[in-house]
Amino acid sequence: MSQPVSKAACFGIYALTLMVRARGKAVSAGEVARTFNISEAHVAKVLQQLVRGRLVRGTRGVGGGYQLAGDPAQISMLDVVECIDGPRGKKCATCAVRVDGDHCSPHPVACAVQSIFSEIDDTAYYTLKSVTLSTLAASSLVALGTLPGVSGAPRS
């Protein structure tokens, strides 16, 4: 089974979703850190990775900060996770139990368990690939009750 999404990748998704909601306004590392109650130093490192991965543009100086570098409808959660954690490509199923280092265990329990883990990995991969930053930002607005036109939501 693949590694779960790292904290750094989660922080990257938080930061990018905040940028989408900022609608073109620069967002600082400090603003991300305060909004999500996380370390500003960690956020700054994550933002630099996102700049290197060309998902974010950084501007120095007064009024500087970070902005999304592309269309949020074209950037998936998987893009962000892979930018931070490295490739998470779909992997073929291999048994965790090895007989001689080269061949899978012929034991049916090992193969059945590995098959389930492979299915979990596939589900995570395709879910991350299918959810865009636009979708995530819109979902967060609905969850907060701040989306205009949603019954009972305050207007911003």
Protein backbone atom coordinates (compact mmCIF):
# COMPACT_ATOMS: atom_id res chain seq x y z
CA MET A 1 0.00 0.00 0.00
CA SER A 2 1.29 3.49 -0.87
CA GLN A 3 2.11 6.07 1.73
CA PRO A 4 -0.84 8.23 2.77
CA VAL A 5 -0.76 11.88 1.75
CA SER A 6 1.86 13.73 3.80
CA LYS A 7 1.17 16.66 6.12
CA ALA A 8 3.13 18.84 3.72
CA ALA A 9 0.86 17.85 0.82
CA CYS A 10 -2.20 18.61 2.97
CA PHE A 11 -0.73 22.02 3.79
CA GLY A 12 -0.17 22.59 0.06
CA ILE A 13 -3.79 21.76 -0.68
CA TYR A 14 -4.91 24.10 2.12
CA ALA A 15 -2.74 26.92 0.74
CA LEU A 16 -3.87 26.48 -2.86
CA THR A 17 -7.53 26.32 -1.85
CA LEU A 18 -7.06 29.56 0.10
CA MET A 19 -5.48 31.12 -3.02
CA VAL A 20 -8.46 30.08 -5.14
CA ARG A 21 -10.80 31.68 -2.61
CA ALA A 22 -8.63 34.86 -2.61
CA ARG A 23 -9.56 35.34 -6.30
CA GLY A 24 -6.19 36.60 -7.57
CA LYS A 25 -5.10 38.44 -4.44
CA ALA A 26 -1.67 37.41 -3.15
CA VAL A 27 -1.71 35.18 -0.06
CA SER A 28 1.23 35.19 2.37
CA ALA A 29 2.76 32.19 4.13
CA GLY A 30 1.74 33.86 7.40
CA GLU A 31 -1.88 34.13 6.29
CA VAL A 32 -1.98 30.42 5.41
CA ALA A 33 -0.32 29.53 8.72
CA ARG A 34 -2.75 31.65 10.78
CA THR A 35 -5.81 30.44 8.87
CA PHE A 36 -5.02 26.77 9.46
CA ASN A 37 -3.07 27.12 12.75
CA ILE A 38 0.11 25.55 11.36
CA SER A 39 3.79 26.50 11.42
CA GLU A 40 4.66 29.42 9.14
CA ALA A 41 8.12 27.95 8.54
CA HIS A 42 6.57 24.69 7.33
CA VAL A 43 4.09 26.56 5.13
CA ALA A 44 6.94 28.61 3.61
CA LYS A 45 8.82 25.41 2.68
CA VAL A 46 5.70 23.91 1.12
CA LEU A 47 5.00 27.10 -0.84
CA GLN A 48 8.56 27.03 -2.22
CA GLN A 49 7.98 23.46 -3.44
CA LEU A 50 4.77 24.61 -5.10
CA VAL A 51 6.68 27.47 -6.80
CA ARG A 52 9.32 25.00 -8.05
CA GLY A 53 6.50 22.76 -9.28
CA ARG A 54 5.01 25.76 -11.15
CA LEU A 55 1.65 25.49 -9.39
CA VAL A 56 2.22 28.83 -7.60
CA ARG A 57 3.89 32.15 -8.40
CA GLY A 58 5.71 33.99 -5.63
CA THR A 59 6.20 37.76 -5.42
CA ARG A 60 8.63 39.31 -2.95
CA GLY A 61 8.29 42.60 -1.12
CA VAL A 62 5.48 44.75 0.18
CA GLY A 63 2.17 43.43 -1.09
CA GLY A 64 3.90 40.25 -2.19
CA GLY A 65 2.86 36.72 -1.51
CA TYR A 66 1.75 33.72 -3.49
CA GLN A 67 -0.82 33.30 -6.23
CA LEU A 68 -2.08 30.32 -8.13
CA ALA A 69 -0.15 29.92 -11.40
CA GLY A 70 -2.87 28.17 -13.37
CA ASP A 71 -6.56 27.55 -13.79
CA PRO A 72 -7.94 26.02 -10.58
CA ALA A 73 -10.36 23.96 -12.66
CA GLN A 74 -7.36 22.28 -14.30
CA ILE A 75 -5.31 21.59 -11.14
CA SER A 76 -6.23 18.42 -9.26
CA MET A 77 -5.49 17.42 -5.71
CA LEU A 78 -3.25 14.74 -7.24
CA ASP A 79 -1.18 17.46 -8.97
CA VAL A 80 -0.55 19.08 -5.60
CA VAL A 81 0.20 15.81 -3.80
CA GLU A 82 2.66 14.74 -6.51
CA CYS A 83 4.33 18.16 -6.48
CA ILE A 84 5.01 17.79 -2.75
CA ASP A 85 5.33 14.02 -2.22
CA GLY A 86 6.56 12.91 -5.64
CA PRO A 87 4.87 10.67 -8.19
CA ARG A 88 2.04 8.58 -6.87
CA GLY A 89 1.29 6.77 -10.10
CA LYS A 90 -1.09 3.89 -10.25
CA LYS A 91 0.87 0.77 -9.36
CA CYS A 92 0.22 -2.79 -10.30
CA ALA A 93 -0.64 -5.13 -7.46
CA THR A 94 2.27 -7.03 -5.95
CA CYS A 95 2.14 -9.23 -2.91
CA ALA A 96 3.86 -7.94 0.18
CA VAL A 97 5.00 -11.47 1.04
CA ARG A 98 7.93 -12.73 -1.06
CA VAL A 99 9.13 -16.30 -1.36
CA ASP A 100 12.60 -15.71 -2.82
CA GLY A 101 12.78 -11.96 -3.39
CA ASP A 102 11.47 -12.20 -6.94
CA HIS A 103 8.18 -14.04 -6.81
CA CYS A 104 4.98 -13.36 -4.93
CA SER A 105 3.89 -15.72 -2.25
CA PRO A 106 1.47 -18.27 -3.63
CA HIS A 107 -0.44 -18.04 -0.36
CA PRO A 108 -4.04 -16.96 -1.10
CA VAL A 109 -4.35 -14.88 2.09
CA ALA A 110 -1.36 -12.71 1.18
CA CYS A 111 -2.71 -12.17 -2.33
CA ALA A 112 -6.22 -11.37 -1.03
CA VAL A 113 -4.90 -8.81 1.47
CA GLN A 114 -2.66 -7.19 -1.14
CA SER A 115 -5.59 -7.03 -3.55
CA ILE A 116 -7.58 -5.00 -0.99
CA PHE A 117 -4.65 -2.62 -0.39
CA SER A 118 -4.25 -2.19 -4.14
CA GLU A 119 -7.95 -1.34 -4.45
CA ILE A 120 -7.61 1.26 -1.66
CA ASP A 121 -4.61 2.80 -3.46
CA ASP A 122 -6.55 2.90 -6.74
CA THR A 123 -9.51 4.60 -5.08
CA ALA A 124 -7.28 7.22 -3.45
CA TYR A 125 -5.42 7.84 -6.72
CA TYR A 126 -8.55 8.34 -8.81
CA THR A 127 -10.25 10.45 -6.14
CA LEU A 128 -7.24 12.78 -5.86
CA LYS A 129 -7.07 12.95 -9.65
CA SER A 130 -10.77 13.80 -10.03
CA VAL A 131 -11.09 16.61 -7.46
CA THR A 132 -9.93 20.01 -8.71
CA LEU A 133 -9.03 23.06 -6.67
CA SER A 134 -12.15 24.79 -8.01
CA THR A 135 -14.33 21.98 -6.72
CA LEU A 136 -12.54 21.96 -3.38
CA ALA A 137 -12.82 25.75 -2.96
CA ALA A 138 -16.53 25.69 -3.81
CA SER A 139 -17.11 22.79 -1.39
CA SER A 140 -15.35 24.67 1.40
CA LEU A 141 -17.53 27.74 0.81
CA VAL A 142 -20.68 25.63 1.01
CA ALA A 143 -19.38 23.94 4.19
CA LEU A 144 -18.75 27.36 5.74
CA GLY A 145 -22.19 28.57 4.68
CA THR A 146 -20.66 31.55 2.85
CA LEU A 147 -21.59 30.73 -0.74
CA PRO A 148 -23.96 33.40 -2.08
CA GLY A 149 -27.33 31.96 -3.00
CA VAL A 150 -27.14 29.04 -0.58
CA SER A 151 -30.13 29.03 1.73
CA GLY A 152 -29.27 30.51 5.11
CA ALA A 153 -25.77 31.52 4.01
CA PRO A 154 -24.60 35.01 4.93
CA ARG A 155 -23.72 37.14 1.91
CA SER A 156 -20.11 38.23 1.62
